[in-house]
Amino acid sequence: MSLTPTVAIVGRPNVGKSTLFNRLLGRRQAIVHNLPGVTRDRITGLAELDGDRRFQVVDTGGLVVASDDPLGLSRQVFLAVEESDLLLFMVDGRDGLVAADEVVWERLRRTGKPALLVVNKGDTREARGRFPEFYRLGIDRQLLVSAEHGQGVEELREALALALPETPPEVRPEMPAVAIVGRPNVGKSSLLNRIAGEERALVSPVAGTTRDPVDTAITRGGRSYLLIDTAGIRRRSQTSGAPEELAVMMARRQIERAQLAVLVVDAAQGVTSGDLAIAGTIWELGRAAVLAINKWDLLDRESRASLELTLERLDEHLAHPRRVNVSALTGRGVEKLFPAIDPTLAGHALKLGTGEVNRLFEAAIRRVSPPSLGGHPWKLYYATQVSSEPPTFMLFANRTLPRNHHYRRYLENRLREDLDLVGVPVRLVVRRRTEGRR
């Protein structure tokens, strides 16, 4: 399956990394301040190049060489570097090449990651005059930009287009791929081992033990599956302030590779903001979902009632996915996981004929009349399914429907209910067409 390339913006503090991050995304997402160290966490976002090419950008905290850090690198920044396909090493052109830049680059160079050198504040005479100093770093491509004013950013985009790997055509494995995802230490690796029946993934009580994906092919009931274990997603309180947005990056590529994600939730902790962030990524990528509530057997009746209340939030995010209560430690309930996975995968791969699609939408419209938009009733001419995984439908009507319009949500939910698409995203594309055209 195709993966979104990742670019990490790295450099010492206060050289303009967050400003460049916002410039590439085209919106203000990172906090920008002239005090060094404001960005202590990694922040991620999706940016676009020419056409429909997209890449993930990671804004990192400043790298500081300190006596208590033998690598001279923040561990969180180093993780971002490891996960990236390309580095944008950013320096301050007004300062010229300083010793801290040379030390930081030496550490980054050892990773072997390809890099572009971005010399910021290129709108100043000092930066233009000192630009040649940075050739001493030996980085092949060197660009002069002003992140604040946008100068040189188009040239940077062109360089990114050349340097980033082309996204290959999406290739589906012969067997359905299932990603096991969740926050750190909720039992993901233990669950994979329990399913596989052998110690295929390292199990440790220390959060963050799983670093690389572990693909495991298994067979259940005569059907083969590819299980993908994912790196532990880190909570803010456990990893020097790493935010959920950044932590999800570490599992995003594995979710991209899968048709379905099993979201493992710690029953004792209930649903947290981290669980919701992961759920949002699953949904954004159009993957189906099943919930595995781990350590359910450790809860008393009162605790189970409290958990049910928190699970309502996940139900809203993931369209009431099938849920299996399990104990990865004892194996209890694990045998019920695949009877939940199979119908969810089938719904995700659903393909309908145009006649059936139109009958479903006509029935939904008869049940609840369309609203008026711009003084005219919304009218559907016809509909057809244009793709699956997830099921995506094209609707031709006299008016478009805003993305968050209540009637669009009604049609999605009605379709999901009629077709039993629980835990499956449904996409509607509404196109305006004049009446009579077909």
Protein backbone atom coordinates (compact mmCIF):
# COMPACT_ATOMS: atom_id res chain seq x y z
CA MET A 1 0.00 0.00 0.00
CA SER A 2 1.16 3.53 -0.67
CA LEU A 3 2.63 5.49 2.21
CA THR A 4 2.71 9.25 2.72
CA PRO A 5 6.32 10.56 2.72
CA THR A 6 7.39 12.31 5.92
CA VAL A 7 9.59 15.42 6.22
CA ALA A 8 11.04 16.55 9.56
CA ILE A 9 12.09 20.19 10.10
CA VAL A 10 15.07 20.12 12.43
CA GLY A 11 17.60 22.60 13.77
CA ARG A 12 18.64 24.48 16.88
CA PRO A 13 16.07 26.64 18.73
CA ASN A 14 14.64 29.87 17.35
CA VAL A 15 15.70 29.55 13.72
CA GLY A 16 12.12 29.67 12.38
CA LYS A 17 11.11 25.99 12.17
CA SER A 18 7.52 26.54 13.31
CA THR A 19 7.09 29.49 10.93
CA LEU A 20 8.25 27.33 8.01
CA PHE A 21 5.98 24.50 9.17
CA ASN A 22 2.97 26.83 9.08
CA ARG A 23 4.06 28.21 5.70
CA LEU A 24 4.26 24.73 4.14
CA LEU A 25 0.86 23.74 5.54
CA GLY A 26 -0.73 27.02 4.52
CA ARG A 27 -2.29 27.54 7.93
CA ARG A 28 -1.25 28.49 11.44
CA GLN A 29 -0.95 25.22 13.34
CA ALA A 30 2.33 25.46 15.24
CA ILE A 31 2.89 28.03 18.00
CA VAL A 32 5.25 30.75 16.75
CA HIS A 33 7.15 32.83 19.30
CA ASN A 34 10.54 34.50 19.40
CA LEU A 35 11.53 32.78 22.65
CA PRO A 36 13.73 29.72 22.10
CA GLY A 37 12.25 26.39 23.12
CA VAL A 38 8.58 27.22 22.61
CA THR A 39 8.14 24.12 20.44
CA ARG A 40 9.08 21.42 22.92
CA ASP A 41 7.02 18.76 21.16
CA ARG A 42 6.75 17.47 17.65
CA ILE A 43 3.69 18.63 15.74
CA THR A 44 2.54 17.01 12.50
CA GLY A 45 0.42 18.11 9.56
CA LEU A 46 -0.29 17.21 5.93
CA ALA A 47 1.03 19.51 3.18
CA GLU A 48 0.59 19.38 -0.59
CA LEU A 49 2.99 19.56 -3.51
CA ASP A 50 2.08 19.75 -7.17
CA GLY A 51 -1.02 17.88 -8.24
CA ASP A 52 -2.35 15.53 -5.59
CA ARG A 53 0.99 14.64 -3.99
CA ARG A 54 0.91 15.01 -0.22
CA PHE A 55 3.56 14.70 2.45
CA GLN A 56 3.55 14.71 6.22
CA VAL A 57 5.51 17.54 7.88
CA VAL A 58 6.89 17.27 11.40
CA ASP A 59 7.77 20.40 13.36
CA THR A 60 10.32 19.49 16.03
CA GLY A 61 11.67 21.18 19.12
CA GLY A 62 15.06 22.84 18.87
CA LEU A 63 18.11 20.62 19.14
CA VAL A 64 20.41 21.63 21.97
CA VAL A 65 23.79 20.10 22.63
CA ALA A 66 23.87 19.53 26.39
CA SER A 67 26.22 17.78 28.77
CA ASP A 68 23.42 15.58 30.12
CA ASP A 69 22.52 14.36 26.62
CA PRO A 70 25.41 12.39 25.13
CA LEU A 71 23.76 12.38 21.70
CA GLY A 72 23.15 16.10 21.79
CA LEU A 73 19.65 15.34 20.54
CA SER A 74 16.28 15.35 22.20
CA ARG A 75 15.03 11.77 22.16
CA GLN A 76 11.70 12.93 20.80
CA VAL A 77 13.36 14.82 17.96
CA PHE A 78 15.54 11.83 17.21
CA LEU A 79 12.43 9.64 16.94
CA ALA A 80 11.01 12.13 14.42
CA VAL A 81 14.24 11.90 12.43
CA GLU A 82 14.08 8.10 12.40
CA GLU A 83 10.48 8.13 11.16
CA SER A 84 11.17 10.61 8.34
CA ASP A 85 12.11 10.17 4.69
CA LEU A 86 13.78 13.59 4.39
CA LEU A 87 15.18 16.24 6.75
CA LEU A 88 14.95 20.00 6.35
CA PHE A 89 17.94 21.19 8.36
CA MET A 90 17.16 24.81 9.19
CA VAL A 91 19.65 27.50 10.18
CA ASP A 92 19.52 31.25 10.85
CA GLY A 93 21.09 33.15 7.95
CA ARG A 94 21.59 36.32 9.99
CA ASP A 95 23.72 34.42 12.52
CA GLY A 96 25.77 32.72 9.87
CA LEU A 97 27.27 29.28 10.48
CA VAL A 98 27.74 28.86 14.24
CA ALA A 99 29.40 26.03 16.14
CA ALA A 100 26.06 24.70 17.43
CA ASP A 101 24.85 24.23 13.84
CA GLU A 102 27.95 22.21 12.99
CA VAL A 103 27.61 19.96 16.05
CA VAL A 104 23.92 19.35 15.47
CA TRP A 105 24.44 18.57 11.79
CA GLU A 106 27.23 16.14 12.62
CA ARG A 107 24.77 14.20 14.83
CA LEU A 108 22.07 14.29 12.16
CA ARG A 109 24.49 13.33 9.38
CA ARG A 110 25.21 10.04 11.14
CA THR A 111 21.59 8.96 10.69
CA GLY A 112 22.15 8.71 6.95
CA LYS A 113 18.90 10.51 6.20
CA PRO A 114 18.82 12.68 3.04
CA ALA A 115 18.59 16.40 3.84
CA LEU A 116 18.04 19.83 2.37
CA LEU A 117 19.67 22.85 4.01
CA VAL A 118 17.23 25.71 4.56
CA VAL A 119 18.89 29.05 5.37
CA ASN A 120 16.18 31.20 6.92
CA LYS A 121 15.69 34.98 7.14
CA GLY A 122 16.81 35.38 3.55
CA ASP A 123 14.99 38.71 3.32
CA THR A 124 17.86 40.31 5.29
CA ARG A 125 21.14 41.60 3.90
CA GLU A 126 23.05 39.68 6.60
CA ALA A 127 21.57 36.34 5.54
CA ARG A 128 22.28 36.94 1.86
CA GLY A 129 25.86 37.91 2.65
CA ARG A 130 26.53 34.93 4.93
CA PHE A 131 24.75 32.35 2.74
CA PRO A 132 28.04 30.93 1.31
CA GLU A 133 29.30 30.09 4.83
CA PHE A 134 26.87 27.17 5.06
CA TYR A 135 28.44 25.29 2.16
CA ARG A 136 31.02 24.13 4.73
CA LEU A 137 28.38 21.72 6.07
CA GLY A 138 28.59 19.72 2.84
CA ILE A 139 24.82 19.46 2.27
CA ASP A 140 24.21 19.13 -1.47
CA ARG A 141 21.10 21.31 -1.83
CA GLN A 142 21.08 24.67 -0.03
CA LEU A 143 18.14 27.09 -0.23
CA LEU A 144 17.75 30.68 0.96
CA VAL A 145 14.23 31.40 2.25
CA SER A 146 12.24 33.75 4.41
CA ALA A 147 9.74 31.58 6.26
CA GLU A 148 8.02 34.67 7.65
CA HIS A 149 7.49 36.41 4.31
CA GLY A 150 7.35 33.37 1.98
CA GLN A 151 10.44 34.28 -0.04
CA GLY A 152 12.06 31.19 -1.59
CA VAL A 153 9.33 28.84 -0.36
CA GLU A 154 8.21 27.92 -3.90
CA GLU A 155 11.80 26.94 -4.72
CA LEU A 156 11.78 24.85 -1.54
CA ARG A 157 8.58 23.11 -2.67
CA GLU A 158 10.20 22.31 -6.02
CA ALA A 159 13.21 20.85 -4.22
CA LEU A 160 10.90 18.77 -2.02
CA ALA A 161 9.07 17.45 -5.08
CA LEU A 162 12.39 16.24 -6.50
CA ALA A 163 13.78 14.87 -3.24
CA LEU A 164 10.74 13.04 -1.88
CA PRO A 165 10.01 9.52 -3.08
CA GLU A 166 7.18 9.25 -5.56
CA THR A 167 4.16 7.63 -3.93
CA PRO A 168 3.91 4.28 -5.70
CA PRO A 169 0.58 2.94 -6.92
CA GLU A 170 -1.32 1.38 -4.06
CA VAL A 171 -0.70 -2.35 -3.89
CA ARG A 172 -2.97 -4.49 -1.77
CA PRO A 173 -1.48 -7.59 -0.17
CA GLU A 174 -3.10 -10.88 -1.14
CA MET A 175 -4.40 -11.21 2.42
CA PRO A 176 -6.23 -8.47 4.35
CA ALA A 177 -3.90 -6.42 6.54
CA VAL A 178 -4.93 -5.70 10.12
CA ALA A 179 -3.01 -3.12 12.19
CA ILE A 180 -3.00 -3.48 15.98
CA VAL A 181 -2.84 0.05 17.39
CA GLY A 182 -3.14 1.78 20.74
CA ARG A 183 -1.41 3.83 23.37
CA PRO A 184 1.73 2.53 25.09
CA ASN A 185 1.51 -0.44 27.38
CA VAL A 186 -2.12 -1.33 26.70
CA GLY A 187 -1.22 -4.86 25.59
CA LYS A 188 -0.83 -4.60 21.81
CA SER A 189 2.21 -6.89 21.55
CA SER A 190 0.75 -9.33 24.06
CA LEU A 191 -2.43 -9.50 21.99
CA LEU A 192 -0.47 -10.13 18.79
CA ASN A 193 1.50 -12.91 20.48
CA ARG A 194 -1.70 -14.44 21.84
CA ILE A 195 -3.29 -14.42 18.37
CA ALA A 196 -0.17 -15.72 16.62
CA GLY A 197 0.42 -18.36 19.28
CA GLU A 198 4.09 -17.55 19.57
CA GLU A 199 6.43 -14.85 20.83
CA ARG A 200 6.66 -12.78 17.65
CA ALA A 201 6.76 -9.32 19.30
CA LEU A 202 8.87 -8.22 22.27
CA VAL A 203 6.69 -7.80 25.37
CA SER A 204 7.82 -5.46 28.13
CA PRO A 205 6.09 -3.39 30.85
CA VAL A 206 8.16 -0.39 29.73
CA ALA A 207 6.18 1.93 27.47
CA GLY A 208 7.68 2.35 24.01
CA THR A 209 9.41 -1.05 23.76
CA THR A 210 7.93 -1.74 20.32
CA ARG A 211 9.78 0.43 17.83
CA ASP A 212 9.44 -1.28 14.47
CA PRO A 213 6.40 -2.91 12.88
CA VAL A 214 6.27 -6.69 13.14
CA ASP A 215 4.28 -8.30 10.31
CA THR A 216 2.84 -11.71 11.16
CA ALA A 217 0.91 -13.87 8.68
CA ILE A 218 -1.69 -16.09 10.33
CA THR A 219 -4.61 -18.29 9.28
CA ARG A 220 -7.97 -18.44 11.05
CA GLY A 221 -10.91 -20.50 9.83
CA GLY A 222 -9.26 -21.13 6.49
CA ARG A 223 -8.63 -17.41 5.85
CA SER A 224 -5.22 -15.73 5.94
CA TYR A 225 -4.50 -12.33 7.51
CA LEU A 226 -1.46 -10.10 7.84
CA LEU A 227 -1.19 -8.70 11.38
CA ILE A 228 0.80 -5.50 11.79
CA ASP A 229 2.04 -4.56 15.25
CA THR A 230 2.73 -0.84 15.69
CA ALA A 231 5.10 1.27 17.73
CA GLY A 232 3.63 2.29 21.08
CA ILE A 233 1.83 5.61 20.98
CA ARG A 234 3.14 7.82 23.75
CA ARG A 235 1.12 9.94 26.13
CA ARG A 236 2.09 13.50 27.08
CA SER A 237 2.69 12.59 30.73
CA GLN A 238 5.04 9.72 29.92
CA THR A 239 7.50 11.04 27.36
CA SER A 240 8.87 14.47 28.07
CA GLY A 241 5.77 16.19 26.78
CA ALA A 242 5.25 14.42 23.45
CA PRO A 243 1.75 15.36 22.22
CA GLU A 244 -0.79 12.92 20.81
CA GLU A 245 -0.53 14.56 17.38
CA LEU A 246 3.08 13.54 17.20
CA ALA A 247 2.66 10.14 18.73
CA VAL A 248 0.08 9.14 16.13
CA MET A 249 2.74 9.71 13.46
CA MET A 250 4.57 6.65 14.71
CA ALA A 251 1.58 4.41 13.96
CA ARG A 252 0.18 6.27 10.95
CA ARG A 253 2.24 4.40 8.39
CA GLN A 254 1.11 1.03 9.74
CA ILE A 255 -2.52 2.18 9.71
CA GLU A 256 -2.01 3.30 6.08
CA ARG A 257 -0.84 -0.21 5.22
CA ALA A 258 -3.96 -1.85 6.65
CA GLN A 259 -7.57 -2.22 5.64
CA LEU A 260 -8.65 -2.50 9.28
CA ALA A 261 -7.26 -1.30 12.61
CA VAL A 262 -7.86 -3.06 15.90
CA LEU A 263 -7.78 -0.27 18.46
CA VAL A 264 -6.68 -1.70 21.82
CA VAL A 265 -8.03 0.20 24.82
CA ASP A 266 -6.99 -0.31 28.45
CA ALA A 267 -10.22 -1.10 30.29
CA ALA A 268 -8.88 0.14 33.62
CA GLN A 269 -7.99 3.57 32.22
CA GLY A 270 -11.04 4.01 30.01
CA VAL A 271 -11.03 6.08 26.83
CA THR A 272 -8.42 8.84 26.88
CA SER A 273 -7.61 11.73 24.59
CA GLY A 274 -4.85 9.54 23.13
CA ASP A 275 -7.37 6.86 22.17
CA LEU A 276 -9.54 9.49 20.51
CA ALA A 277 -6.54 10.85 18.58
CA ILE A 278 -5.76 7.38 17.24
CA ALA A 279 -9.42 6.85 16.34
CA GLY A 280 -9.35 10.13 14.42
CA THR A 281 -6.37 8.95 12.39
CA ILE A 282 -8.05 5.61 11.58
CA TRP A 283 -11.14 7.45 10.37
CA GLU A 284 -9.21 10.12 8.46
CA LEU A 285 -7.37 7.41 6.52
CA GLY A 286 -10.63 5.64 5.67
CA ARG A 287 -9.81 2.41 7.51
CA ALA A 288 -12.32 0.14 9.21
CA ALA A 289 -12.12 -0.35 12.96
CA VAL A 290 -12.73 -2.96 15.66
CA LEU A 291 -12.32 -2.22 19.38
CA ALA A 292 -10.44 -4.63 21.64
CA ILE A 293 -11.06 -3.75 25.30
CA ASN A 294 -8.09 -5.29 27.08
CA LYS A 295 -7.95 -6.25 30.80
CA TRP A 296 -11.76 -6.29 30.92
CA ASP A 297 -11.61 -9.22 33.34
CA LEU A 298 -9.92 -7.02 35.97
CA LEU A 299 -12.91 -4.66 36.31
CA ASP A 300 -15.72 -4.92 38.84
CA ARG A 301 -19.33 -4.11 37.97
CA GLU A 302 -19.05 -0.45 38.92
CA SER A 303 -15.86 0.04 36.91
CA ARG A 304 -17.43 -1.60 33.89
CA ALA A 305 -20.37 0.80 34.06
CA SER A 306 -17.94 3.75 34.15
CA LEU A 307 -16.06 2.35 31.17
CA GLU A 308 -19.25 2.06 29.14
CA LEU A 309 -19.78 5.81 29.53
CA THR A 310 -16.32 6.65 28.18
CA LEU A 311 -16.73 4.21 25.27
CA GLU A 312 -19.58 6.34 23.92
CA ARG A 313 -16.97 8.87 22.77
CA LEU A 314 -15.17 6.25 20.69
CA ASP A 315 -18.47 5.01 19.28
CA GLU A 316 -19.11 8.49 17.93
CA HIS A 317 -15.66 8.67 16.33
CA LEU A 318 -15.74 5.19 14.75
CA ALA A 319 -19.42 4.66 13.90
CA HIS A 320 -20.18 2.18 16.71
CA PRO A 321 -17.52 -0.41 15.84
CA ARG A 322 -17.79 -4.03 16.89
CA ARG A 323 -16.27 -4.49 20.31
CA VAL A 324 -14.53 -7.49 21.84
CA ASN A 325 -13.66 -7.69 25.53
CA VAL A 326 -10.35 -9.53 25.86
CA SER A 327 -7.52 -10.42 28.18
CA ALA A 328 -4.30 -10.57 26.19
CA LEU A 329 -2.62 -12.05 29.27
CA THR A 330 -4.94 -15.05 29.73
CA GLY A 331 -6.34 -15.28 26.20
CA ARG A 332 -9.92 -14.82 27.38
CA GLY A 333 -12.18 -13.49 24.61
CA VAL A 334 -9.42 -13.39 21.97
CA GLU A 335 -11.19 -16.09 19.93
CA LYS A 336 -14.07 -13.63 19.39
CA LEU A 337 -11.83 -11.09 17.67
CA PHE A 338 -11.93 -12.53 14.15
CA PRO A 339 -15.71 -13.03 14.10
CA ALA A 340 -15.78 -9.24 14.62
CA ILE A 341 -13.01 -8.51 12.09
CA ASP A 342 -14.49 -10.53 9.21
CA PRO A 343 -17.85 -8.74 8.78
CA THR A 344 -16.15 -5.37 9.28
CA LEU A 345 -13.66 -6.16 6.50
CA ALA A 346 -16.55 -7.29 4.30
CA GLY A 347 -18.34 -3.98 4.86
CA HIS A 348 -15.17 -2.04 4.11
CA ALA A 349 -14.83 -3.87 0.76
CA LEU A 350 -18.54 -3.56 -0.11
CA LYS A 351 -19.44 -3.12 -3.80
CA LEU A 352 -23.00 -2.35 -4.90
CA GLY A 353 -24.64 -1.98 -8.27
CA THR A 354 -26.01 1.41 -9.28
CA GLY A 355 -29.61 0.19 -9.13
CA GLU A 356 -29.28 -0.95 -5.53
CA VAL A 357 -27.47 2.26 -4.56
CA ASN A 358 -30.31 4.38 -5.94
CA ARG A 359 -32.96 2.29 -4.21
CA LEU A 360 -31.18 2.77 -0.87
CA PHE A 361 -30.93 6.54 -1.26
CA GLU A 362 -34.50 6.86 -2.52
CA ALA A 363 -35.76 4.98 0.53
CA ALA A 364 -33.71 7.22 2.84
CA ILE A 365 -35.09 10.36 1.17
CA ARG A 366 -38.69 9.10 1.43
CA ARG A 367 -38.19 8.53 5.15
CA VAL A 368 -36.73 12.00 5.85
CA SER A 369 -37.43 14.80 3.37
CA PRO A 370 -34.43 16.81 2.13
CA PRO A 371 -33.87 20.34 3.44
CA SER A 372 -34.11 23.57 1.49
CA LEU A 373 -30.83 25.06 0.36
CA GLY A 374 -30.71 28.56 -1.08
CA GLY A 375 -34.49 28.69 -1.13
CA HIS A 376 -34.84 25.47 -3.14
CA PRO A 377 -35.41 21.89 -1.90
CA TRP A 378 -32.36 19.69 -2.23
CA LYS A 379 -33.04 17.10 -4.94
CA LEU A 380 -31.09 13.93 -5.73
CA TYR A 381 -31.04 12.91 -9.41
CA TYR A 382 -29.09 9.68 -9.08
CA ALA A 383 -26.22 8.04 -7.21
CA THR A 384 -23.54 5.45 -7.89
CA GLN A 385 -20.73 3.78 -5.97
CA VAL A 386 -17.34 4.91 -7.24
CA SER A 387 -14.98 2.93 -5.00
CA SER A 388 -14.67 0.66 -1.98
CA GLU A 389 -12.27 0.45 0.99
CA PRO A 390 -13.95 2.60 2.18
CA PRO A 391 -17.31 2.54 0.36
CA THR A 392 -17.54 5.84 -1.54
CA PHE A 393 -20.65 7.07 -3.35
CA MET A 394 -21.11 9.84 -5.90
CA LEU A 395 -24.40 11.74 -5.64
CA PHE A 396 -25.60 14.00 -8.45
CA ALA A 397 -28.04 16.63 -7.17
CA ASN A 398 -29.32 20.14 -7.83
CA ARG A 399 -27.21 21.47 -4.96
CA THR A 400 -24.07 20.38 -3.16
CA LEU A 401 -24.29 19.54 0.54
CA PRO A 402 -21.80 21.16 2.95
CA ARG A 403 -19.41 18.66 4.52
CA ASN A 404 -20.92 18.94 7.99
CA HIS A 405 -24.55 19.37 6.92
CA HIS A 406 -27.00 17.39 9.05
CA TYR A 407 -28.68 15.83 6.00
CA ARG A 408 -25.37 14.53 4.66
CA ARG A 409 -24.76 12.89 8.06
CA TYR A 410 -28.28 11.46 7.97
CA LEU A 411 -27.70 9.87 4.56
CA GLU A 412 -24.35 8.40 5.67
CA ASN A 413 -25.84 6.98 8.86
CA ARG A 414 -28.90 5.60 7.05
CA LEU A 415 -26.70 3.87 4.50
CA ARG A 416 -24.49 2.49 7.24
CA GLU A 417 -27.53 1.18 9.13
CA ASP A 418 -29.17 -0.43 6.09
CA LEU A 419 -25.94 -2.14 5.05
CA ASP A 420 -24.68 -2.97 8.57
CA LEU A 421 -21.50 -0.95 8.05
CA VAL A 422 -20.59 -0.60 11.73
CA GLY A 423 -17.04 0.59 12.23
CA VAL A 424 -16.76 1.39 8.51
CA PRO A 425 -16.32 4.90 7.07
CA VAL A 426 -18.84 5.89 4.42
CA ARG A 427 -17.83 8.64 2.00
CA LEU A 428 -20.35 10.75 0.07
CA VAL A 429 -19.25 12.99 -2.80
CA VAL A 430 -22.09 15.34 -3.79
CA ARG A 431 -21.85 16.93 -7.24
CA ARG A 432 -24.12 19.67 -8.56
CA ARG A 433 -25.77 18.92 -11.88
CA THR A 434 -28.50 20.70 -13.78
CA GLU A 435 -31.75 18.75 -14.01
CA GLY A 436 -32.12 16.52 -17.03
CA ARG A 437 -28.37 15.93 -17.56
CA ARG A 438 -27.16 12.39 -17.08
